[in-house]
Protein backbone atom coordinates (compact mmCIF):
# COMPACT_ATOMS: atom_id res chain seq x y z
CA MET A 1 142.38 76.51 109.01
CA PRO A 2 139.15 77.84 107.46
CA VAL A 3 138.20 76.63 103.98
CA LEU A 4 136.17 78.68 101.51
CA THR A 5 134.62 77.61 98.21
CA LEU A 6 134.96 80.15 95.39
CA TYR A 7 132.61 79.62 92.46
CA LYS A 8 133.80 80.73 89.04
CA TYR A 9 130.62 82.70 88.30
CA ARG A 10 130.92 84.58 91.62
CA VAL A 11 134.55 85.59 91.12
CA ALA A 12 133.76 86.68 87.54
CA GLU A 13 130.87 88.74 88.87
CA LEU A 14 133.13 90.50 91.38
CA LEU A 15 136.08 90.93 89.00
CA GLY A 16 133.88 92.30 86.25
CA ARG A 17 135.23 89.85 83.67
CA ASP A 18 135.26 86.15 82.87
CA VAL A 19 137.71 83.98 84.76
CA SER A 20 138.61 80.29 84.57
CA VAL A 21 139.31 77.88 87.42
CA ASP A 22 142.81 77.37 86.03
CA GLU A 23 143.44 81.12 86.15
CA LEU A 24 142.29 81.23 89.77
CA GLU A 25 144.53 78.30 90.58
CA GLU A 26 147.44 80.28 89.15
CA TRP A 27 146.73 83.59 90.94
CA LEU A 28 145.35 82.69 94.38
CA PRO A 29 148.50 81.06 95.85
CA TRP A 30 150.33 84.39 95.36
CA LEU A 31 147.95 85.78 98.00
CA ALA A 32 149.18 83.05 100.42
CA LEU A 33 146.01 81.01 99.83
CA ASP A 34 146.33 77.22 99.69
CA ILE A 35 144.37 75.31 97.05
CA GLU A 36 142.46 72.48 98.70
CA ASP A 37 140.39 71.22 95.78
CA LYS A 38 138.96 72.32 92.45
CA GLY A 39 136.18 71.32 90.10
CA GLU A 40 134.81 72.41 86.78
CA ASP A 41 133.20 75.55 88.19
CA TYR A 42 134.72 76.02 91.65
CA ILE A 43 137.95 76.13 93.60
CA LYS A 44 138.36 75.52 97.34
CA ILE A 45 140.94 77.56 99.19
CA GLU A 46 142.30 77.47 102.73
CA TYR A 47 143.18 80.82 104.27
CA ASN A 48 145.21 81.73 107.32
CA PRO A 49 143.04 82.84 110.29
CA ASN A 50 145.23 85.95 110.63
CA ARG A 51 143.51 87.17 107.43
CA PRO A 52 139.84 87.04 108.44
CA ASP A 53 139.05 89.50 105.61
CA PHE A 54 139.60 86.50 103.31
CA GLY A 55 136.54 84.81 104.82
CA SER A 56 134.22 85.88 101.98
CA PRO A 57 134.44 85.96 98.16
CA PRO A 58 134.31 89.80 98.08
CA GLY A 59 137.23 89.96 100.53
CA ILE A 60 139.39 87.67 98.41
CA VAL A 61 138.49 89.32 95.13
CA ARG A 62 139.22 92.74 96.63
CA ALA A 63 142.82 91.59 97.21
CA LEU A 64 142.93 89.75 93.88
CA LYS A 65 141.96 92.91 91.98
CA GLY A 66 144.96 94.66 93.49
CA LEU A 67 147.41 91.89 92.69
CA MET A 68 146.17 91.69 89.11
CA GLY A 69 146.40 95.48 88.76
CA LEU A 70 142.66 95.86 88.09
CA GLU A 71 142.00 98.06 91.14
CA THR A 72 144.82 99.30 93.38
CA GLY A 73 145.21 101.43 96.49
CA LEU A 74 142.95 101.88 99.47
CA PRO A 75 139.28 100.94 99.19
CA ASN A 76 137.14 103.88 100.23
CA PHE A 77 134.66 103.38 103.05
CA LYS A 78 132.43 106.18 104.30
CA VAL A 79 130.57 106.03 107.62
CA HIS A 80 127.28 107.90 107.92
CA ASP A 81 125.76 108.87 111.27
CA SER A 82 122.54 107.33 112.47
CA ASP A 83 120.34 108.27 115.41
CA ILE A 84 120.29 104.69 116.76
CA LYS A 85 121.37 104.28 120.38
CA VAL A 86 122.05 101.18 122.49
CA GLN A 87 121.84 101.43 126.28
CA VAL A 88 124.00 99.00 128.28
CA ASP A 89 122.66 97.89 131.66
CA PRO A 90 125.17 97.52 134.56
CA SER A 91 124.00 93.92 135.12
CA VAL A 92 126.01 92.67 132.12
CA THR A 93 129.32 93.93 133.53
CA ASN A 94 130.45 90.67 135.13
CA ILE A 95 128.89 88.37 132.52
CA ARG A 96 129.55 89.63 128.98
CA PRO A 97 130.41 93.30 129.41
CA TYR A 98 130.90 94.74 125.92
CA ILE A 99 128.67 95.38 122.94
CA LEU A 100 129.24 97.33 119.72
CA CYS A 101 126.73 97.80 116.93
CA ALA A 102 126.42 99.10 113.39
CA LEU A 103 123.84 99.54 110.64
CA VAL A 104 124.41 98.71 106.96
CA LYS A 105 121.73 99.93 104.54
CA GLY A 106 120.92 98.92 101.00
CA VAL A 107 122.46 95.45 101.03
CA SER A 108 121.60 93.07 98.21
CA LEU A 109 120.87 89.62 99.64
CA ARG A 110 120.49 86.95 97.00
CA GLU A 111 120.35 83.43 98.40
CA ASP A 112 124.03 82.80 97.61
CA TYR A 113 125.01 86.17 99.12
CA LEU A 114 123.17 85.29 102.32
CA GLU A 115 124.98 81.96 102.53
CA GLU A 116 128.34 83.72 102.05
CA ILE A 117 127.62 86.19 104.84
CA ILE A 118 126.50 83.49 107.30
CA GLU A 119 129.59 81.41 106.54
CA PHE A 120 131.78 84.48 107.05
CA GLN A 121 130.05 85.11 110.39
CA GLU A 122 130.74 81.58 111.58
CA ASP A 123 134.40 81.73 110.53
CA LEU A 124 134.78 84.92 112.59
CA HIS A 125 133.15 83.16 115.54
CA MET A 126 135.66 80.32 115.39
CA GLY A 127 138.71 82.49 114.62
CA ILE A 128 138.98 85.81 116.39
CA GLY A 129 135.87 84.97 118.44
CA ARG A 130 137.55 81.90 119.98
CA ASN A 131 134.46 79.72 119.50
CA ARG A 132 132.18 82.58 120.62
CA ARG A 133 133.85 82.99 124.02
CA LYS A 134 135.54 86.30 123.26
CA MET A 135 133.15 87.52 120.59
CA ALA A 136 129.85 86.64 118.96
CA ILE A 137 127.86 88.30 116.18
CA GLY A 138 124.15 88.90 115.69
CA LEU A 139 122.82 89.93 112.27
CA HIS A 140 119.26 91.27 112.10
CA ASP A 141 116.74 92.65 109.64
CA ALA A 142 116.97 96.28 110.76
CA ASP A 143 113.50 97.14 109.45
CA LYS A 144 111.95 94.79 112.00
CA VAL A 145 113.73 96.45 114.94
CA SER A 146 112.20 99.25 117.03
CA TYR A 147 114.81 101.63 118.43
CA PRO A 148 116.42 102.40 120.88
CA ILE A 149 117.92 99.07 121.97
CA LYS A 150 118.93 97.83 125.40
CA TYR A 151 121.57 95.29 126.38
CA THR A 152 120.61 93.82 129.74
CA THR A 153 120.20 90.52 131.62
CA VAL A 154 117.32 88.15 132.35
CA ASP A 155 116.91 85.02 134.43
CA GLY A 156 116.67 81.47 133.09
CA ALA A 157 112.86 81.51 133.00
CA PHE A 158 112.78 84.29 130.38
CA SER A 159 111.47 82.92 127.07
CA PHE A 160 111.36 83.80 123.36
CA VAL A 161 111.26 82.04 119.97
CA PRO A 162 114.85 81.36 118.87
CA LEU A 163 116.17 80.78 115.37
CA GLU A 164 116.09 77.16 114.14
CA TYR A 165 113.16 76.36 116.43
CA GLY A 166 109.44 76.70 115.88
CA ALA A 167 108.31 77.31 119.44
CA GLU A 168 109.00 79.58 122.39
CA LEU A 169 111.68 78.33 124.76
CA SER A 170 113.00 79.57 128.08
CA ILE A 171 116.67 80.41 128.41
CA ASN A 172 117.09 77.31 130.57
CA ASP A 173 115.48 75.12 127.90
CA ILE A 174 117.54 76.68 125.11
CA LEU A 175 120.72 75.69 126.95
CA LYS A 176 119.43 72.15 127.41
CA ILE A 177 117.72 71.23 124.14
CA HIS A 178 118.39 73.77 121.39
CA PRO A 179 121.35 72.59 119.24
CA LYS A 180 123.17 75.91 119.59
CA GLY A 181 122.33 76.10 123.28
CA VAL A 182 123.71 72.64 123.97
CA LYS A 183 126.86 73.42 121.97
CA TYR A 184 127.68 76.69 123.74
CA ALA A 185 126.14 76.16 127.20
CA PHE A 186 129.65 75.83 128.68
CA ILE A 187 130.11 79.60 128.28
CA TYR A 188 127.51 80.25 130.97
CA GLU A 189 128.32 77.55 133.50
CA GLY A 190 127.65 78.60 137.07
CA ILE A 191 125.61 81.76 136.45
CA ASP A 192 121.90 82.50 136.89
CA LYS A 193 121.61 85.70 134.84
CA TYR A 194 122.00 85.82 131.07
CA PRO A 195 122.65 88.69 128.64
CA ILE A 196 119.87 89.63 126.25
CA ILE A 197 119.47 92.28 123.54
CA LEU A 198 115.97 93.79 123.34
CA ASP A 199 114.42 96.50 121.21
CA THR A 200 112.14 99.18 122.63
CA ASN A 201 109.15 96.82 122.32
CA ASN A 202 111.04 94.15 124.31
CA THR A 203 111.37 92.00 121.18
CA VAL A 204 114.39 89.72 121.52
CA LEU A 205 117.11 90.42 118.98
CA SER A 206 119.68 88.09 120.49
CA PHE A 207 120.65 85.90 123.41
CA PRO A 208 124.40 86.27 122.90
CA PRO A 209 126.49 84.32 122.15
CA ILE A 210 123.98 81.47 121.81
CA ILE A 211 121.18 82.29 119.35
CA ASN A 212 119.20 85.16 117.80
CA GLY A 213 115.47 85.65 118.09
CA ILE A 214 113.48 84.53 115.07
CA TYR A 215 111.63 87.84 114.57
CA THR A 216 114.62 89.70 113.09
CA GLN A 217 115.91 86.80 110.97
CA LEU A 218 117.70 87.74 107.74
CA THR A 219 115.99 86.76 104.47
CA THR A 220 116.60 87.47 100.80
CA LYS A 221 114.13 90.37 101.19
CA THR A 222 116.29 92.05 103.84
CA LYS A 223 117.78 95.35 102.66
CA ASN A 224 119.07 96.87 105.89
CA ILE A 225 121.14 94.90 108.41
CA PHE A 226 121.58 95.75 112.08
CA ILE A 227 124.73 94.23 113.59
CA ASP A 228 125.40 93.49 117.24
CA VAL A 229 128.78 92.20 118.43
CA THR A 230 129.16 91.19 122.07
CA GLY A 231 132.07 89.81 124.04
CA THR A 232 134.76 90.20 126.64
CA ASP A 233 137.43 92.11 124.69
CA LEU A 234 136.56 95.55 123.34
CA ASN A 235 139.44 95.60 120.83
CA ILE A 236 138.28 92.33 119.27
CA LEU A 237 134.75 93.75 119.00
CA LYS A 238 136.09 96.80 117.17
CA GLN A 239 138.02 94.59 114.76
CA THR A 240 134.92 92.47 114.13
CA ILE A 241 132.67 95.47 113.45
CA ASN A 242 135.26 96.78 110.98
CA LEU A 243 135.46 93.42 109.20
CA LEU A 244 131.70 92.98 109.00
CA THR A 245 130.81 96.47 107.83
CA THR A 246 133.55 96.69 105.20
CA THR A 247 132.57 93.25 103.89
CA LEU A 248 128.87 94.14 103.74
CA ALA A 249 129.84 97.30 101.89
CA GLU A 250 131.06 95.00 99.10
CA TYR A 251 127.46 93.77 98.81
CA GLY A 252 126.32 97.30 97.99
CA GLY A 253 125.76 98.38 101.59
CA GLU A 254 126.04 101.90 103.02
CA ILE A 255 127.64 101.95 106.49
CA HIS A 256 126.00 103.83 109.37
CA SER A 257 127.32 104.22 112.90
CA VAL A 258 125.46 103.26 116.09
CA GLU A 259 126.07 104.84 119.49
CA VAL A 260 126.50 102.54 122.51
CA ILE A 261 126.10 104.11 125.95
CA TYR A 262 127.79 102.28 128.85
CA PRO A 263 126.72 102.60 132.51
CA ASP A 264 129.99 104.30 133.52
CA GLY A 265 129.35 107.12 131.06
CA LEU A 266 131.56 105.73 128.29
CA THR A 267 130.03 106.29 124.86
CA ILE A 268 131.31 104.55 121.73
CA LYS A 269 130.24 105.14 118.14
CA SER A 270 130.99 102.26 115.85
CA PRO A 271 132.32 101.59 113.34
CA SER A 272 134.95 104.32 113.14
CA LEU A 273 136.80 102.67 110.21
CA GLU A 274 140.01 104.54 110.92
CA TYR A 275 142.99 104.02 108.62
CA LYS A 276 146.03 103.07 110.70
CA SER A 277 149.32 104.75 109.78
CA ILE A 278 152.64 102.85 109.91
CA LYS A 279 156.04 104.22 108.94
CA VAL A 280 158.63 101.96 107.32
CA SER A 281 162.07 102.79 105.99
CA VAL A 282 162.99 102.07 102.37
CA ASP A 283 166.30 100.55 103.46
CA SER A 284 164.61 98.08 105.82
CA ILE A 285 162.23 96.98 103.06
CA ASN A 286 165.06 96.12 100.70
CA GLN A 287 167.22 94.63 103.42
CA ILE A 288 164.55 92.23 104.66
CA ILE A 289 163.25 91.09 101.27
CA GLY A 290 166.74 90.92 99.81
CA LEU A 291 166.08 93.07 96.76
CA LYS A 292 167.00 96.57 95.60
CA LEU A 293 163.62 97.91 94.60
CA PRO A 294 163.34 101.56 93.57
CA LEU A 295 160.95 103.77 95.52
CA GLU A 296 158.42 103.83 92.67
CA THR A 297 158.26 100.03 92.57
CA ILE A 298 157.79 99.81 96.35
CA ILE A 299 154.89 102.28 96.22
CA GLU A 300 153.30 100.42 93.30
CA SER A 301 153.66 97.13 95.20
CA LEU A 302 151.98 98.58 98.30
CA MET A 303 149.11 99.88 96.17
CA LYS A 304 148.68 96.41 94.63
CA SER A 305 148.34 95.04 98.18
CA ARG A 306 145.44 97.51 98.63
CA LEU A 307 147.40 99.72 101.02
CA GLY A 308 147.62 103.49 100.81
CA ILE A 309 150.43 106.04 100.92
CA SER A 310 150.10 109.03 103.22
CA LYS A 311 153.48 110.55 102.38
CA TYR A 312 156.91 109.35 101.34
CA SER A 313 160.52 110.28 100.77
CA GLU A 314 163.57 108.46 99.47
CA LYS A 315 164.19 107.20 103.01
CA GLU A 316 160.75 106.52 104.50
CA ILE A 317 157.18 105.72 103.51
CA GLU A 318 154.12 106.36 105.67
CA VAL A 319 151.63 103.62 104.81
CA LEU A 320 147.87 103.72 105.43
CA VAL A 321 146.27 100.41 106.43
CA PRO A 322 142.54 99.77 105.75
CA PRO A 323 140.39 98.91 108.79
CA TYR A 324 139.74 95.33 107.68
CA ARG A 325 143.47 94.45 107.74
CA VAL A 326 143.57 93.37 111.39
CA ASP A 327 146.70 91.31 110.69
CA ILE A 328 148.95 94.33 110.12
CA MET A 329 150.52 95.45 113.40
CA HIS A 330 154.20 96.15 112.65
CA PRO A 331 156.40 97.52 109.84
CA VAL A 332 157.48 93.97 109.00
CA ASP A 333 153.86 93.21 108.06
CA ILE A 334 154.02 96.10 105.61
CA ILE A 335 157.24 94.69 104.15
CA GLU A 336 155.52 91.34 103.60
CA ASP A 337 152.81 93.12 101.62
CA VAL A 338 155.46 94.88 99.52
CA LEU A 339 156.73 91.46 98.48
CA ILE A 340 153.23 90.12 97.78
CA GLY A 341 152.34 93.19 95.72
CA TYR A 342 155.64 93.01 93.86
CA GLY A 343 154.85 89.42 92.92
CA LEU A 344 156.37 86.38 94.56
CA TRP A 345 156.57 84.72 91.14
CA ARG A 346 159.17 87.33 90.13
CA LEU A 347 161.69 86.15 92.71
CA GLU A 348 164.59 84.03 91.51
CA PRO A 349 165.41 81.19 93.94
CA THR A 350 169.01 80.98 95.15
CA LEU A 351 170.73 78.46 97.36
CA PRO A 352 171.72 79.76 100.80
CA SER A 353 175.41 80.25 101.45
CA ILE A 354 175.22 78.46 104.81
CA PRO A 355 177.24 75.21 104.50
CA THR A 356 175.31 73.27 107.14
CA VAL A 357 172.05 71.33 106.85
CA GLY A 358 169.41 71.71 109.51
CA LYS A 359 167.78 68.78 111.24
CA PRO A 360 165.00 68.36 113.80
CA ASP A 361 165.83 68.43 117.49
CA GLU A 362 166.24 64.87 118.77
CA PHE A 363 163.71 65.30 121.55
CA THR A 364 161.16 66.68 119.08
CA VAL A 365 161.71 63.65 116.86
CA LEU A 366 161.17 61.42 119.89
CA LYS A 367 157.90 63.16 120.81
CA ASN A 368 156.66 62.82 117.23
CA LYS A 369 157.38 59.08 117.31
CA LEU A 370 155.51 58.70 120.58
CA ALA A 371 152.56 60.56 119.06
CA LEU A 372 152.55 58.19 116.09
CA VAL A 373 152.45 55.21 118.46
CA MET A 374 149.39 56.66 120.23
CA VAL A 375 147.65 57.37 116.93
CA GLY A 376 148.38 53.79 115.91
CA LEU A 377 146.65 52.65 119.09
CA GLY A 378 143.50 54.48 117.98
CA PHE A 379 143.89 57.71 119.93
CA GLN A 380 143.32 61.26 118.73
CA GLU A 381 145.86 63.90 119.69
CA VAL A 382 144.80 67.13 121.41
CA VAL A 383 146.91 70.20 122.06
CA ASN A 384 146.08 72.36 125.07
CA SER A 385 147.51 75.51 126.56
CA VAL A 386 149.99 75.23 129.41
CA LEU A 387 147.87 77.89 131.16
CA THR A 388 145.10 76.61 133.42
CA ASN A 389 143.58 77.22 136.86
CA VAL A 390 143.60 75.79 140.38
CA ASP A 391 140.03 74.52 140.15
CA GLU A 392 140.73 72.32 137.13
CA GLN A 393 144.18 71.10 138.19
CA PHE A 394 143.42 70.37 141.83
CA ASN A 395 139.89 70.96 143.17
CA LYS A 396 138.07 68.98 140.49
CA MET A 397 140.71 66.26 140.72
CA ASN A 398 140.17 65.79 144.50
CA ILE A 399 143.76 66.67 145.38
CA PRO A 400 145.21 69.54 147.45
CA ALA A 401 146.70 72.46 145.55
CA SER A 402 150.48 72.60 145.93
CA ASN A 403 153.77 73.46 144.22
CA TYR A 404 152.19 75.24 141.26
CA VAL A 405 153.49 78.28 139.38
CA GLU A 406 151.19 81.31 139.31
CA VAL A 407 150.80 83.71 136.39
CA GLU A 408 151.56 87.30 137.30
CA ALA A 409 148.57 89.60 136.63
CA PRO A 410 146.50 87.00 134.71
CA LYS A 411 143.92 88.33 132.26
CA SER A 412 141.43 85.68 133.33
CA ARG A 413 140.99 83.45 136.38
CA LEU A 414 140.68 80.53 133.94
CA TYR A 415 144.36 80.97 133.03
CA SER A 416 145.95 81.89 136.33
CA ILE A 417 148.55 79.10 136.82
CA LEU A 418 150.75 76.79 134.77
CA ARG A 419 149.60 73.19 134.53
CA LYS A 420 151.25 70.62 136.77
CA TRP A 421 149.86 67.57 134.96
CA LEU A 422 147.90 66.82 131.76
CA ILE A 423 145.00 64.56 132.75
CA PRO A 424 142.76 67.36 134.12
CA ARG A 425 142.66 69.18 130.77
CA LEU A 426 141.97 65.88 128.98
CA LEU A 427 138.88 65.58 131.17
CA THR A 428 137.86 69.10 130.14
CA ASN A 429 138.32 68.05 126.50
CA LEU A 430 136.06 65.06 127.14
CA TYR A 431 133.45 67.33 128.72
CA ARG A 432 133.42 69.56 125.65
CA SER A 433 132.89 66.56 123.39
CA LYS A 434 130.46 64.68 125.60
CA GLU A 435 127.69 64.93 123.00
CA GLU A 436 129.83 62.98 120.52
CA GLU A 437 129.86 59.22 120.06
CA TYR A 438 131.62 56.98 122.61
CA PRO A 439 134.11 55.51 123.24
CA GLN A 440 136.41 58.54 122.99
CA LYS A 441 140.19 58.12 123.10
CA ILE A 442 142.47 61.15 123.34
CA PHE A 443 146.07 61.89 124.30
CA GLU A 444 148.43 64.81 124.67
CA ILE A 445 152.19 65.25 124.78
CA GLY A 446 153.22 68.53 126.35
CA GLU A 447 155.07 70.47 128.99
CA VAL A 448 154.14 70.78 132.64
CA VAL A 449 155.65 73.18 135.16
CA PHE A 450 155.87 73.02 138.95
CA VAL A 451 157.93 74.09 141.94
CA VAL A 452 160.63 71.78 143.39
CA ASP A 453 162.95 72.80 146.24
CA GLY A 454 162.07 76.45 145.76
CA GLY A 455 162.85 76.40 142.04
CA VAL A 456 160.72 76.08 138.92
CA HIS A 457 160.99 72.71 137.15
CA GLU A 458 159.70 71.78 133.68
CA GLU A 459 158.98 68.30 132.31
CA THR A 460 157.44 66.75 129.22
CA HIS A 461 154.53 64.42 129.93
CA LEU A 462 152.38 62.09 127.85
CA ALA A 463 148.83 61.49 129.03
CA ALA A 464 146.06 59.37 127.55
CA ALA A 465 142.40 58.99 128.50
CA VAL A 466 139.59 56.73 127.34
CA ALA A 467 135.91 57.46 128.05
CA GLY A 468 132.88 55.24 127.56
CA ASN A 469 130.50 52.89 129.31
CA LYS A 470 133.02 50.01 129.38
CA GLN A 471 136.27 51.98 129.54
CA ASP A 472 137.63 50.79 132.89
CA TYR A 473 141.09 50.11 134.33
CA THR A 474 141.48 46.94 132.25
CA VAL A 475 141.10 48.93 129.03
CA ILE A 476 143.67 51.61 129.87
CA LYS A 477 146.08 48.93 131.16
CA SER A 478 145.88 47.15 127.79
CA VAL A 479 146.60 50.48 126.06
CA LEU A 480 149.66 51.00 128.26
CA ASP A 481 150.81 47.44 127.50
CA GLY A 482 150.53 48.11 123.77
CA PHE A 483 152.30 51.44 124.11
CA MET A 484 155.21 49.99 126.08
CA GLU A 485 155.60 47.12 123.64
CA ALA A 486 155.57 49.51 120.67
CA ILE A 487 158.33 51.68 122.13
CA GLY A 488 160.44 48.68 123.10
CA ILE A 489 160.15 48.75 126.90
CA SER A 490 159.62 45.37 128.56
CA GLY A 491 159.45 44.37 132.17
CA TYR A 492 157.66 47.45 133.46
CA ARG A 493 155.33 46.90 136.38
CA ILE A 494 152.41 48.57 138.16
CA GLU A 495 152.89 49.19 141.85
CA PRO A 496 149.70 49.80 143.93
CA THR A 497 149.38 53.31 145.31
CA ILE A 498 146.86 55.72 146.79
CA HIS A 499 145.78 58.70 144.67
CA SER A 500 142.50 60.48 145.44
CA SER A 501 141.88 61.33 141.76
CA PHE A 502 141.43 57.61 141.09
CA ILE A 503 139.35 54.75 142.50
CA SER A 504 141.10 52.96 145.34
CA GLY A 505 142.43 49.59 144.18
CA ARG A 506 142.29 50.68 140.53
CA VAL A 507 145.30 52.97 140.51
CA GLY A 508 149.03 52.38 140.48
CA LYS A 509 152.47 53.80 139.87
CA ILE A 510 154.15 52.89 136.57
CA ILE A 511 157.64 51.57 137.37
CA VAL A 512 160.40 51.10 134.76
CA ASN A 513 163.85 49.88 135.90
CA GLY A 514 162.94 50.81 139.45
CA ILE A 515 162.02 54.39 138.49
CA ASP A 516 158.56 55.87 139.03
CA VAL A 517 157.63 57.18 135.57
CA GLY A 518 153.90 57.85 135.95
CA VAL A 519 150.45 56.91 137.15
CA ILE A 520 147.61 54.82 135.72
CA GLY A 521 144.09 54.27 136.93
CA GLU A 522 140.34 54.61 136.67
CA LEU A 523 139.11 58.11 137.59
CA HIS A 524 137.12 58.45 140.81
CA PRO A 525 133.32 58.95 140.41
CA GLU A 526 133.58 62.29 142.21
CA VAL A 527 136.13 63.47 139.64
CA ILE A 528 133.83 62.30 136.84
CA LEU A 529 130.97 64.30 138.33
CA ASN A 530 133.19 67.34 138.92
CA PHE A 531 133.85 67.47 135.18
CA GLN A 532 130.16 66.83 134.43
CA LEU A 533 130.87 63.58 132.63
CA ALA A 534 128.40 60.70 132.58
CA VAL A 535 130.64 57.76 131.65
CA PRO A 536 133.67 56.07 133.23
CA VAL A 537 137.10 57.43 132.31
CA SER A 538 140.45 55.72 132.77
CA ALA A 539 143.80 57.34 132.08
CA PHE A 540 147.55 57.20 132.45
CA GLU A 541 150.25 59.89 132.52
CA LEU A 542 153.95 59.32 131.88
CA VAL A 543 156.97 61.52 132.49
CA VAL A 544 158.67 61.33 129.09
CA ASP A 545 161.91 62.86 130.43
CA ARG A 546 162.43 59.89 132.77
CA LEU A 547 162.15 57.49 129.83
CA THR A 548 164.37 59.44 127.43
CA SER A 549 167.48 57.26 127.60
CA LEU A 550 165.46 54.07 127.12
CA LEU A 551 163.25 55.50 124.38
CA SER A 552 166.10 56.99 122.37
CA LYS A 553 167.64 53.54 122.02
CA SER A 554 164.44 51.67 121.26
CA LEU A 555 162.70 54.03 118.82
């Protein structure tokens, strides 16, 4: 989860009074913030990604003021109109189709403020932006931009001077040698046109989601900030614009809307900063939190959580939610904020009346033990989605597509089927980390799904892969030997087989007590190239379910 450093002087500045680190350590956990570390003049907190408004000191102090009773109720945000327009070209439709923009005037940008804003931007990229795939942000010195603006595409030969680089580079070169280009090049695999944001003088504002142009770079002299947010999900873009503009307002900014004109005639002014209304019954509040709070106390608690009240009665309250609270979607979220505003420290712990004691599921315990064995063998665990695609599971692995389960009405072709085995996604993991030091050793324990005799079957698999210049069949075989010894299975054997994902003669079935429990081998060079890897990879995959009876006794 994201970690943020809060300096004592900064919190005092925002609160309007002196504050000690010990006082912060006492108050912040009541906002569901975990204390990671503290020093003489700072405290580090970890916040849940479902509260991206906690990604900056002003966002946290805004909530802290409410809890401490210093400033309660809805923060007031006003949106002014501007005459700025952004024209979207049809060519972006199948690449990165959406853009929203905003203007914030009169921002104070000390050096520490600028660092806070950039850190907040990057946390949004990783969180709701899904590592820039779904959303990416560009922040620009608005006074250096000539309006109107166009969002269009260019080819790989198009060049400009990017941030963090002192010379002009083509798009192709940015993706090959610029640090940000190398890191995020995977987003544009297989295309020859790239989105670009230009002002009326054809000055590059941004090559989203990779890097901004250097001309509009933010500095401590910047007073007015132009924001662009691009991506593949319009709702996420709206949430991001709301989060950014309301946060920049805490730096003294005045929010102005920008009009985006799409090729199909759709026109969107952003931000709208609408206050969502949610109704919740008084009875359900008390029933869920287990208290009998009077109506006045409930309303006071909501105000301390920086929520508003539209209207209320003895039976029901209509709550107004500020636009930066993207985590509130249901009445139960409102009830949680009642409890936070009331003060979790005021609750008296009681023992449950249930006479039984819970315990972990046996199979879960078993999987955890297997994971510990792999970690002990020097491997790092990865966790991937069960959703994948035919290309990764079959085509890149040099095997025919068969017996897979399709997703009905998938939102993306990348997640159109359920995975049938784990090794393909491990290879994708290795591709994404191919700039890191070798050798790389990773494993995963997870579910796979496939069709057998006309029915859907689910199994738990364990797969491991090693990548590096000398990571051949001998290496992965020694890992399997160590794994089997650690879990107490002796006498297993490798039976030669033919599998087109692996090199002939360096692949075999893993046999335990006469049962085929998996496959081991060195990946075929064609498979390595299909995943754009440059080093040998060897791997094995086991069907944990077929080993359950043996493992339960030995572990």
